[in-house]
Full PDB file with SEQRES, HELIX, SHEET, SSBOND, CRYST1, ORIGX, SCALE, CONECT and MASTER records, all heavy atoms in Angstrom:
SEQRES   1 A   37  LEU ARG SER GLU ARG HIS VAL SER ILE VAL SER LYS VAL          
SEQRES   2 A   37  LYS GLY LEU ASN LYS GLU ILE VAL ASN ASP VAL HIS PRO          
SEQRES   3 A   37  ASN SER TYR PRO ASN ALA PRO ASP ALA ILE GLY                  
HELIX    1 AA1 GLU A    4  VAL A   10  1                                   7    
SHEET    1 AA1 2 ASN A  22  ASP A  23  0                                        
SHEET    2 AA1 2 ALA A  35  ILE A  36 -1                                        
CRYST1    1.000    1.000    1.000  90.00  90.00  90.00 P 1           1          
ORIGX1      1.000000  0.000000  0.000000        0.00000                         
ORIGX2      0.000000  1.000000  0.000000        0.00000                         
ORIGX3      0.000000  0.000000  1.000000        0.00000                         
SCALE1      1.000000  0.000000  0.000000        0.00000                         
SCALE2      0.000000  1.000000  0.000000        0.00000                         
SCALE3      0.000000  0.000000  1.000000        0.00000                         
ATOM      1  N   LEU A   1       4.846   3.616   2.886  1.00  0.00           N  
ATOM      2  CA  LEU A   1       4.241   2.426   2.277  1.00  0.00           C  
ATOM      3  C   LEU A   1       5.074   1.939   1.120  1.00  0.00           C  
ATOM      4  O   LEU A   1       5.185   0.675   0.841  1.00  0.00           O  
ATOM      5  CB  LEU A   1       2.863   2.735   1.811  1.00  0.00           C  
ATOM      6  CG  LEU A   1       1.699   2.522   2.789  1.00  0.00           C  
ATOM      7  CD1 LEU A   1       0.379   2.990   2.131  1.00  0.00           C  
ATOM      8  CD2 LEU A   1       1.558   1.072   3.180  1.00  0.00           C  
ATOM      9  N   ARG A   2       5.604   2.849   0.345  1.00  0.00           N  
ATOM     10  CA  ARG A   2       6.324   2.532  -0.905  1.00  0.00           C  
ATOM     11  C   ARG A   2       7.839   2.442  -0.697  1.00  0.00           C  
ATOM     12  O   ARG A   2       8.594   2.228  -1.637  1.00  0.00           O  
ATOM     13  CB  ARG A   2       6.023   3.549  -1.976  1.00  0.00           C  
ATOM     14  CG  ARG A   2       4.585   3.432  -2.388  1.00  0.00           C  
ATOM     15  CD  ARG A   2       4.251   4.401  -3.509  1.00  0.00           C  
ATOM     16  NE  ARG A   2       2.871   4.234  -3.909  1.00  0.00           N  
ATOM     17  CZ  ARG A   2       2.251   5.032  -4.726  1.00  0.00           C  
ATOM     18  NH1 ARG A   2       2.892   6.106  -5.243  1.00  0.00           N  
ATOM     19  NH2 ARG A   2       0.989   4.821  -5.025  1.00  0.00           N  
ATOM     20  N   SER A   3       8.308   2.632   0.556  1.00  0.00           N  
ATOM     21  CA  SER A   3       9.713   2.656   0.826  1.00  0.00           C  
ATOM     22  C   SER A   3      10.346   1.296   0.571  1.00  0.00           C  
ATOM     23  O   SER A   3       9.670   0.242   0.712  1.00  0.00           O  
ATOM     24  CB  SER A   3      10.016   3.060   2.264  1.00  0.00           C  
ATOM     25  OG  SER A   3       9.614   2.061   3.190  1.00  0.00           O  
ATOM     26  N   GLU A   4      11.604   1.294   0.270  1.00  0.00           N  
ATOM     27  CA  GLU A   4      12.308   0.055   0.074  1.00  0.00           C  
ATOM     28  C   GLU A   4      12.264  -0.842   1.276  1.00  0.00           C  
ATOM     29  O   GLU A   4      12.152  -2.064   1.192  1.00  0.00           O  
ATOM     30  CB  GLU A   4      13.776   0.358  -0.338  1.00  0.00           C  
ATOM     31  CG  GLU A   4      14.599  -0.895  -0.691  1.00  0.00           C  
ATOM     32  CD  GLU A   4      16.008  -0.600  -1.123  1.00  0.00           C  
ATOM     33  OE1 GLU A   4      16.233   0.473  -1.712  1.00  0.00           O  
ATOM     34  OE2 GLU A   4      16.900  -1.389  -0.858  1.00  0.00           O  
ATOM     35  N   ARG A   5      12.359  -0.204   2.477  1.00  0.00           N  
ATOM     36  CA  ARG A   5      12.323  -0.945   3.697  1.00  0.00           C  
ATOM     37  C   ARG A   5      11.040  -1.718   3.832  1.00  0.00           C  
ATOM     38  O   ARG A   5      11.033  -2.963   4.011  1.00  0.00           O  
ATOM     39  CB  ARG A   5      12.488  -0.009   4.885  1.00  0.00           C  
ATOM     40  CG  ARG A   5      12.454  -0.701   6.251  1.00  0.00           C  
ATOM     41  CD  ARG A   5      12.218   0.255   7.398  1.00  0.00           C  
ATOM     42  NE  ARG A   5      10.817   0.671   7.453  1.00  0.00           N  
ATOM     43  CZ  ARG A   5      10.398   1.859   7.113  1.00  0.00           C  
ATOM     44  NH1 ARG A   5      11.138   2.822   6.764  1.00  0.00           N  
ATOM     45  NH2 ARG A   5       9.026   2.097   7.157  1.00  0.00           N  
ATOM     46  N   HIS A   6       9.896  -1.033   3.716  1.00  0.00           N  
ATOM     47  CA  HIS A   6       8.598  -1.718   3.924  1.00  0.00           C  
ATOM     48  C   HIS A   6       8.288  -2.719   2.771  1.00  0.00           C  
ATOM     49  O   HIS A   6       7.849  -3.826   3.059  1.00  0.00           O  
ATOM     50  CB  HIS A   6       7.476  -0.719   4.005  1.00  0.00           C  
ATOM     51  CG  HIS A   6       6.128  -1.320   4.428  1.00  0.00           C  
ATOM     52  ND1 HIS A   6       5.948  -1.824   5.668  1.00  0.00           N  
ATOM     53  CD2 HIS A   6       5.017  -1.472   3.726  1.00  0.00           C  
ATOM     54  CE1 HIS A   6       4.716  -2.318   5.747  1.00  0.00           C  
ATOM     55  NE2 HIS A   6       4.124  -2.141   4.575  1.00  0.00           N  
ATOM     56  N   VAL A   7       8.546  -2.295   1.578  1.00  0.00           N  
ATOM     57  CA  VAL A   7       8.333  -3.237   0.432  1.00  0.00           C  
ATOM     58  C   VAL A   7       9.146  -4.492   0.591  1.00  0.00           C  
ATOM     59  O   VAL A   7       8.692  -5.648   0.292  1.00  0.00           O  
ATOM     60  CB  VAL A   7       8.605  -2.545  -0.902  1.00  0.00           C  
ATOM     61  CG1 VAL A   7       8.551  -3.519  -2.079  1.00  0.00           C  
ATOM     62  CG2 VAL A   7       7.526  -1.409  -1.120  1.00  0.00           C  
ATOM     63  N   SER A   8      10.404  -4.357   1.022  1.00  0.00           N  
ATOM     64  CA  SER A   8      11.262  -5.565   1.178  1.00  0.00           C  
ATOM     65  C   SER A   8      10.762  -6.488   2.260  1.00  0.00           C  
ATOM     66  O   SER A   8      10.830  -7.710   2.113  1.00  0.00           O  
ATOM     67  CB  SER A   8      12.702  -5.185   1.431  1.00  0.00           C  
ATOM     68  OG  SER A   8      12.857  -4.640   2.761  1.00  0.00           O  
ATOM     69  N   ILE A   9      10.136  -5.912   3.281  1.00  0.00           N  
ATOM     70  CA  ILE A   9       9.503  -6.746   4.356  1.00  0.00           C  
ATOM     71  C   ILE A   9       8.307  -7.500   3.851  1.00  0.00           C  
ATOM     72  O   ILE A   9       8.191  -8.704   4.016  1.00  0.00           O  
ATOM     73  CB  ILE A   9       9.193  -5.899   5.617  1.00  0.00           C  
ATOM     74  CG1 ILE A   9      10.514  -5.342   6.236  1.00  0.00           C  
ATOM     75  CG2 ILE A   9       8.407  -6.673   6.616  1.00  0.00           C  
ATOM     76  CD1 ILE A   9      10.283  -4.317   7.295  1.00  0.00           C  
ATOM     77  N   VAL A  10       7.408  -6.760   3.176  1.00  0.00           N  
ATOM     78  CA  VAL A  10       6.183  -7.387   2.624  1.00  0.00           C  
ATOM     79  C   VAL A  10       6.527  -8.431   1.595  1.00  0.00           C  
ATOM     80  O   VAL A  10       5.893  -9.480   1.530  1.00  0.00           O  
ATOM     81  CB  VAL A  10       5.254  -6.305   2.071  1.00  0.00           C  
ATOM     82  CG1 VAL A  10       4.054  -6.920   1.328  1.00  0.00           C  
ATOM     83  CG2 VAL A  10       4.800  -5.334   3.146  1.00  0.00           C  
ATOM     84  N   SER A  11       7.529  -8.206   0.779  1.00  0.00           N  
ATOM     85  CA  SER A  11       7.844  -9.144  -0.321  1.00  0.00           C  
ATOM     86  C   SER A  11       8.357 -10.489   0.201  1.00  0.00           C  
ATOM     87  O   SER A  11       8.389 -11.472  -0.512  1.00  0.00           O  
ATOM     88  CB  SER A  11       8.888  -8.498  -1.240  1.00  0.00           C  
ATOM     89  OG  SER A  11      10.132  -8.421  -0.601  1.00  0.00           O  
ATOM     90  N   LYS A  12       8.656 -10.559   1.477  1.00  0.00           N  
ATOM     91  CA  LYS A  12       9.117 -11.833   2.114  1.00  0.00           C  
ATOM     92  C   LYS A  12       7.949 -12.736   2.502  1.00  0.00           C  
ATOM     93  O   LYS A  12       8.132 -13.878   2.912  1.00  0.00           O  
ATOM     94  CB  LYS A  12      10.020 -11.580   3.286  1.00  0.00           C  
ATOM     95  CG  LYS A  12      11.346 -10.977   2.907  1.00  0.00           C  
ATOM     96  CD  LYS A  12      12.196 -10.645   4.098  1.00  0.00           C  
ATOM     97  CE  LYS A  12      13.461  -9.951   3.643  1.00  0.00           C  
ATOM     98  NZ  LYS A  12      14.177  -9.382   4.749  1.00  0.00           N  
ATOM     99  N   VAL A  13       6.713 -12.216   2.450  1.00  0.00           N  
ATOM    100  CA  VAL A  13       5.534 -13.026   2.832  1.00  0.00           C  
ATOM    101  C   VAL A  13       5.421 -14.170   1.839  1.00  0.00           C  
ATOM    102  O   VAL A  13       5.261 -13.952   0.615  1.00  0.00           O  
ATOM    103  CB  VAL A  13       4.278 -12.149   2.863  1.00  0.00           C  
ATOM    104  CG1 VAL A  13       3.030 -13.013   3.052  1.00  0.00           C  
ATOM    105  CG2 VAL A  13       4.406 -11.024   3.892  1.00  0.00           C  
ATOM    106  N   LYS A  14       5.488 -15.388   2.373  1.00  0.00           N  
ATOM    107  CA  LYS A  14       5.420 -16.574   1.502  1.00  0.00           C  
ATOM    108  C   LYS A  14       4.038 -16.694   0.825  1.00  0.00           C  
ATOM    109  O   LYS A  14       3.032 -16.493   1.445  1.00  0.00           O  
ATOM    110  CB  LYS A  14       5.693 -17.820   2.369  1.00  0.00           C  
ATOM    111  CG  LYS A  14       7.165 -17.921   2.833  1.00  0.00           C  
ATOM    112  CD  LYS A  14       7.349 -19.092   3.682  1.00  0.00           C  
ATOM    113  CE  LYS A  14       8.782 -19.195   4.197  1.00  0.00           C  
ATOM    114  NZ  LYS A  14       9.164 -18.201   5.138  1.00  0.00           N  
ATOM    115  N   GLY A  15       4.052 -17.022  -0.460  1.00  0.00           N  
ATOM    116  CA  GLY A  15       2.818 -17.199  -1.238  1.00  0.00           C  
ATOM    117  C   GLY A  15       2.306 -15.948  -1.838  1.00  0.00           C  
ATOM    118  O   GLY A  15       1.303 -15.991  -2.605  1.00  0.00           O  
ATOM    119  N   LEU A  16       2.945 -14.817  -1.551  1.00  0.00           N  
ATOM    120  CA  LEU A  16       2.446 -13.537  -2.129  1.00  0.00           C  
ATOM    121  C   LEU A  16       2.774 -13.467  -3.635  1.00  0.00           C  
ATOM    122  O   LEU A  16       3.957 -13.582  -3.941  1.00  0.00           O  
ATOM    123  CB  LEU A  16       3.115 -12.353  -1.376  1.00  0.00           C  
ATOM    124  CG  LEU A  16       2.715 -10.954  -1.875  1.00  0.00           C  
ATOM    125  CD1 LEU A  16       1.256 -10.703  -1.685  1.00  0.00           C  
ATOM    126  CD2 LEU A  16       3.517  -9.859  -1.070  1.00  0.00           C  
ATOM    127  N   ASN A  17       1.774 -13.258  -4.431  1.00  0.00           N  
ATOM    128  CA  ASN A  17       1.973 -13.178  -5.877  1.00  0.00           C  
ATOM    129  C   ASN A  17       2.068 -11.759  -6.442  1.00  0.00           C  
ATOM    130  O   ASN A  17       2.738 -11.490  -7.382  1.00  0.00           O  
ATOM    131  CB  ASN A  17       0.826 -13.839  -6.637  1.00  0.00           C  
ATOM    132  CG  ASN A  17       0.840 -15.347  -6.496  1.00  0.00           C  
ATOM    133  OD1 ASN A  17       1.912 -15.938  -6.372  1.00  0.00           O  
ATOM    134  ND2 ASN A  17      -0.251 -15.948  -6.450  1.00  0.00           N  
ATOM    135  N   LYS A  18       1.342 -10.860  -5.727  1.00  0.00           N  
ATOM    136  CA  LYS A  18       1.255  -9.483  -6.247  1.00  0.00           C  
ATOM    137  C   LYS A  18       0.870  -8.571  -5.110  1.00  0.00           C  
ATOM    138  O   LYS A  18       0.074  -8.920  -4.216  1.00  0.00           O  
ATOM    139  CB  LYS A  18       0.141  -9.412  -7.321  1.00  0.00           C  
ATOM    140  CG  LYS A  18      -0.025  -8.104  -8.021  1.00  0.00           C  
ATOM    141  CD  LYS A  18      -1.131  -8.355  -9.156  1.00  0.00           C  
ATOM    142  CE  LYS A  18      -1.403  -7.129  -9.873  1.00  0.00           C  
ATOM    143  NZ  LYS A  18      -2.385  -7.351 -10.902  1.00  0.00           N  
ATOM    144  N   GLU A  19       1.447  -7.375  -5.110  1.00  0.00           N  
ATOM    145  CA  GLU A  19       1.068  -6.300  -4.124  1.00  0.00           C  
ATOM    146  C   GLU A  19       0.830  -5.018  -4.916  1.00  0.00           C  
ATOM    147  O   GLU A  19       1.618  -4.669  -5.790  1.00  0.00           O  
ATOM    148  CB  GLU A  19       2.192  -6.054  -3.124  1.00  0.00           C  
ATOM    149  CG  GLU A  19       1.833  -4.923  -2.199  1.00  0.00           C  
ATOM    150  CD  GLU A  19       3.032  -4.402  -1.369  1.00  0.00           C  
ATOM    151  OE1 GLU A  19       4.175  -4.677  -1.688  1.00  0.00           O  
ATOM    152  OE2 GLU A  19       2.766  -3.712  -0.394  1.00  0.00           O  
ATOM    153  N   ILE A  20      -0.296  -4.405  -4.593  1.00  0.00           N  
ATOM    154  CA  ILE A  20      -0.626  -3.107  -5.204  1.00  0.00           C  
ATOM    155  C   ILE A  20      -0.946  -2.114  -4.064  1.00  0.00           C  
ATOM    156  O   ILE A  20      -1.653  -2.468  -3.132  1.00  0.00           O  
ATOM    157  CB  ILE A  20      -1.876  -3.240  -6.161  1.00  0.00           C  
ATOM    158  CG1 ILE A  20      -1.560  -4.140  -7.331  1.00  0.00           C  
ATOM    159  CG2 ILE A  20      -2.339  -1.821  -6.626  1.00  0.00           C  
ATOM    160  CD1 ILE A  20      -2.779  -4.403  -8.216  1.00  0.00           C  
ATOM    161  N   VAL A  21      -0.409  -0.917  -4.231  1.00  0.00           N  
ATOM    162  CA  VAL A  21      -0.789   0.183  -3.301  1.00  0.00           C  
ATOM    163  C   VAL A  21      -1.487   1.218  -4.096  1.00  0.00           C  
ATOM    164  O   VAL A  21      -0.914   1.797  -5.045  1.00  0.00           O  
ATOM    165  CB  VAL A  21       0.509   0.786  -2.603  1.00  0.00           C  
ATOM    166  CG1 VAL A  21       0.078   1.942  -1.735  1.00  0.00           C  
ATOM    167  CG2 VAL A  21       1.135  -0.330  -1.736  1.00  0.00           C  
ATOM    168  N   ASN A  22      -2.733   1.503  -3.737  1.00  0.00           N  
ATOM    169  CA  ASN A  22      -3.525   2.545  -4.386  1.00  0.00           C  
ATOM    170  C   ASN A  22      -3.483   3.811  -3.528  1.00  0.00           C  
ATOM    171  O   ASN A  22      -3.988   3.715  -2.371  1.00  0.00           O  
ATOM    172  CB  ASN A  22      -4.961   2.083  -4.534  1.00  0.00           C  
ATOM    173  CG  ASN A  22      -5.098   0.788  -5.394  1.00  0.00           C  
ATOM    174  OD1 ASN A  22      -5.023   0.862  -6.600  1.00  0.00           O  
ATOM    175  ND2 ASN A  22      -5.168  -0.311  -4.725  1.00  0.00           N  
ATOM    176  N   ASP A  23      -2.934   4.850  -3.986  1.00  0.00           N  
ATOM    177  CA  ASP A  23      -2.895   6.088  -3.270  1.00  0.00           C  
ATOM    178  C   ASP A  23      -4.177   6.819  -3.431  1.00  0.00           C  
ATOM    179  O   ASP A  23      -4.590   7.195  -4.507  1.00  0.00           O  
ATOM    180  CB  ASP A  23      -1.725   6.924  -3.842  1.00  0.00           C  
ATOM    181  CG  ASP A  23      -1.509   8.302  -3.212  1.00  0.00           C  
ATOM    182  OD1 ASP A  23      -2.286   8.630  -2.263  1.00  0.00           O  
ATOM    183  OD2 ASP A  23      -0.575   9.040  -3.606  1.00  0.00           O  
ATOM    184  N   VAL A  24      -4.939   7.003  -2.270  1.00  0.00           N  
ATOM    185  CA  VAL A  24      -6.190   7.696  -2.326  1.00  0.00           C  
ATOM    186  C   VAL A  24      -5.936   9.192  -2.412  1.00  0.00           C  
ATOM    187  O   VAL A  24      -5.133   9.737  -1.621  1.00  0.00           O  
ATOM    188  CB  VAL A  24      -7.046   7.307  -1.069  1.00  0.00           C  
ATOM    189  CG1 VAL A  24      -8.325   8.143  -1.037  1.00  0.00           C  
ATOM    190  CG2 VAL A  24      -7.340   5.846  -1.042  1.00  0.00           C  
ATOM    191  N   HIS A  25      -6.622   9.849  -3.306  1.00  0.00           N  
ATOM    192  CA  HIS A  25      -6.469  11.306  -3.438  1.00  0.00           C  
ATOM    193  C   HIS A  25      -6.945  11.935  -2.133  1.00  0.00           C  
ATOM    194  O   HIS A  25      -8.105  11.667  -1.711  1.00  0.00           O  
ATOM    195  CB  HIS A  25      -7.266  11.844  -4.582  1.00  0.00           C  
ATOM    196  CG  HIS A  25      -6.750  11.371  -5.921  1.00  0.00           C  
ATOM    197  ND1 HIS A  25      -6.543  12.200  -6.983  1.00  0.00           N  
ATOM    198  CD2 HIS A  25      -6.333  10.145  -6.354  1.00  0.00           C  
ATOM    199  CE1 HIS A  25      -6.066  11.541  -7.997  1.00  0.00           C  
ATOM    200  NE2 HIS A  25      -5.920  10.271  -7.664  1.00  0.00           N  
ATOM    201  N   PRO A  26      -6.087  12.770  -1.509  1.00  0.00           N  
ATOM    202  CA  PRO A  26      -6.410  13.286  -0.179  1.00  0.00           C  
ATOM    203  C   PRO A  26      -7.761  14.008  -0.039  1.00  0.00           C  
ATOM    204  O   PRO A  26      -8.381  13.948   1.036  1.00  0.00           O  
ATOM    205  CB  PRO A  26      -5.281  14.266   0.132  1.00  0.00           C  
ATOM    206  CG  PRO A  26      -4.206  13.883  -0.804  1.00  0.00           C  
ATOM    207  CD  PRO A  26      -4.869  13.242  -2.006  1.00  0.00           C  
ATOM    208  N   ASN A  27      -8.221  14.679  -1.042  1.00  0.00           N  
ATOM    209  CA  ASN A  27      -9.458  15.395  -0.975  1.00  0.00           C  
ATOM    210  C   ASN A  27     -10.645  14.673  -1.643  1.00  0.00           C  
ATOM    211  O   ASN A  27     -11.645  15.316  -1.988  1.00  0.00           O  
ATOM    212  CB  ASN A  27      -9.255  16.804  -1.518  1.00  0.00           C  
ATOM    213  CG  ASN A  27      -8.239  17.576  -0.815  1.00  0.00           C  
ATOM    214  OD1 ASN A  27      -8.194  17.531   0.427  1.00  0.00           O  
ATOM    215  ND2 ASN A  27      -7.382  18.311  -1.504  1.00  0.00           N  
ATOM    216  N   SER A  28     -10.504  13.376  -1.865  1.00  0.00           N  
ATOM    217  CA  SER A  28     -11.568  12.728  -2.616  1.00  0.00           C  
ATOM    218  C   SER A  28     -12.852  12.486  -1.804  1.00  0.00           C  
ATOM    219  O   SER A  28     -13.931  12.455  -2.400  1.00  0.00           O  
ATOM    220  CB  SER A  28     -11.027  11.350  -3.055  1.00  0.00           C  
ATOM    221  OG  SER A  28     -10.720  10.494  -1.982  1.00  0.00           O  
ATOM    222  N   TYR A  29     -12.775  12.425  -0.494  1.00  0.00           N  
ATOM    223  CA  TYR A  29     -13.910  12.191   0.329  1.00  0.00           C  
ATOM    224  C   TYR A  29     -13.579  12.455   1.768  1.00  0.00           C  
ATOM    225  O   TYR A  29     -12.461  12.067   2.232  1.00  0.00           O  
ATOM    226  CB  TYR A  29     -14.367  10.703   0.170  1.00  0.00           C  
ATOM    227  CG  TYR A  29     -15.721  10.440   0.760  1.00  0.00           C  
ATOM    228  CD1 TYR A  29     -16.904  10.739   0.079  1.00  0.00           C  
ATOM    229  CD2 TYR A  29     -15.867   9.821   2.020  1.00  0.00           C  
ATOM    230  CE1 TYR A  29     -18.133  10.467   0.621  1.00  0.00           C  
ATOM    231  CE2 TYR A  29     -17.100   9.538   2.573  1.00  0.00           C  
ATOM    232  CZ  TYR A  29     -18.221   9.886   1.866  1.00  0.00           C  
ATOM    233  OH  TYR A  29     -19.428   9.616   2.400  1.00  0.00           O  
ATOM    234  N   PRO A  30     -14.429  13.081   2.569  1.00  0.00           N  
ATOM    235  CA  PRO A  30     -14.114  13.300   3.988  1.00  0.00           C  
ATOM    236  C   PRO A  30     -13.830  12.028   4.667  1.00  0.00           C  
ATOM    237  O   PRO A  30     -14.549  11.032   4.423  1.00  0.00           O  
ATOM    238  CB  PRO A  30     -15.384  14.010   4.528  1.00  0.00           C  
ATOM    239  CG  PRO A  30     -16.111  14.552   3.329  1.00  0.00           C  
ATOM    240  CD  PRO A  30     -15.792  13.651   2.205  1.00  0.00           C  
ATOM    241  N   ASN A  31     -12.825  12.003   5.477  1.00  0.00           N  
ATOM    242  CA  ASN A  31     -12.459  10.807   6.274  1.00  0.00           C  
ATOM    243  C   ASN A  31     -12.007   9.636   5.404  1.00  0.00           C  
ATOM    244  O   ASN A  31     -12.043   8.470   5.835  1.00  0.00           O  
ATOM    245  CB  ASN A  31     -13.545  10.399   7.215  1.00  0.00           C  
ATOM    246  CG  ASN A  31     -13.937  11.469   8.153  1.00  0.00           C  
ATOM    247  OD1 ASN A  31     -13.072  12.160   8.674  1.00  0.00           O  
ATOM    248  ND2 ASN A  31     -15.213  11.700   8.367  1.00  0.00           N  
ATOM    249  N   ALA A  32     -11.671   9.850   4.147  1.00  0.00           N  
ATOM    250  CA  ALA A  32     -11.170   8.862   3.298  1.00  0.00           C  
ATOM    251  C   ALA A  32      -9.853   8.264   3.806  1.00  0.00           C  
ATOM    252  O   ALA A  32      -9.087   8.984   4.461  1.00  0.00           O  
ATOM    253  CB  ALA A  32     -10.974   9.355   1.843  1.00  0.00           C  
ATOM    254  N   PRO A  33      -9.567   6.976   3.568  1.00  0.00           N  
ATOM    255  CA  PRO A  33      -8.274   6.433   3.955  1.00  0.00           C  
ATOM    256  C   PRO A  33      -7.168   7.091   3.073  1.00  0.00           C  
ATOM    257  O   PRO A  33      -7.446   7.740   2.069  1.00  0.00           O  
ATOM    258  CB  PRO A  33      -8.448   4.910   3.619  1.00  0.00           C  
ATOM    259  CG  PRO A  33      -9.429   4.876   2.558  1.00  0.00           C  
ATOM    260  CD  PRO A  33     -10.358   6.033   2.816  1.00  0.00           C  
ATOM    261  N   ASP A  34      -5.930   6.851   3.518  1.00  0.00           N  
ATOM    262  CA  ASP A  34      -4.817   7.388   2.771  1.00  0.00           C  
ATOM    263  C   ASP A  34      -4.416   6.451   1.612  1.00  0.00           C  
ATOM    264  O   ASP A  34      -3.880   6.944   0.577  1.00  0.00           O  
ATOM    265  CB  ASP A  34      -3.595   7.561   3.706  1.00  0.00           C  
ATOM    266  CG  ASP A  34      -3.888   8.668   4.712  1.00  0.00           C  
ATOM    267  OD1 ASP A  34      -3.632   9.868   4.304  1.00  0.00           O  
ATOM    268  OD2 ASP A  34      -4.373   8.420   5.786  1.00  0.00           O  
ATOM    269  N   ALA A  35      -4.677   5.159   1.773  1.00  0.00           N  
ATOM    270  CA  ALA A  35      -4.340   4.226   0.699  1.00  0.00           C  
ATOM    271  C   ALA A  35      -5.183   2.989   0.826  1.00  0.00           C  
ATOM    272  O   ALA A  35      -5.800   2.743   1.896  1.00  0.00           O  
ATOM    273  CB  ALA A  35      -2.831   3.901   0.770  1.00  0.00           C  
ATOM    274  N   ILE A  36      -5.223   2.224  -0.265  1.00  0.00           N  
ATOM    275  CA  ILE A  36      -5.850   0.886  -0.300  1.00  0.00           C  
ATOM    276  C   ILE A  36      -4.745  -0.049  -0.787  1.00  0.00           C  
ATOM    277  O   ILE A  36      -4.222   0.129  -1.825  1.00  0.00           O  
ATOM    278  CB  ILE A  36      -7.011   0.856  -1.308  1.00  0.00           C  
ATOM    279  CG1 ILE A  36      -7.985   1.971  -1.054  1.00  0.00           C  
ATOM    280  CG2 ILE A  36      -7.647  -0.529  -1.253  1.00  0.00           C  
ATOM    281  CD1 ILE A  36      -8.948   1.860   0.094  1.00  0.00           C  
ATOM    282  N   GLY A  37      -4.410  -1.034   0.031  1.00  0.00           N  
ATOM    283  CA  GLY A  37      -3.400  -2.009  -0.316  1.00  0.00           C  
ATOM    284  C   GLY A  37      -4.060  -3.312  -0.718  1.00  0.00           C  
ATOM    285  O   GLY A  37      -5.102  -3.695  -0.155  1.00  0.00           O  
TER     286      GLY A  37                                                      
MASTER        0    0    0    1    2    0    0    6  285    1    0    3          
END                                                                             
């Protein structure tokens, strides 16, 4: 998600002002997602 490859692709989306990736703590909740973008 944080790789230069993926970030460079996302950054080309027209009109995008800001991107945040929230890394979910793996043991925070059963079946929790891995991240919130």
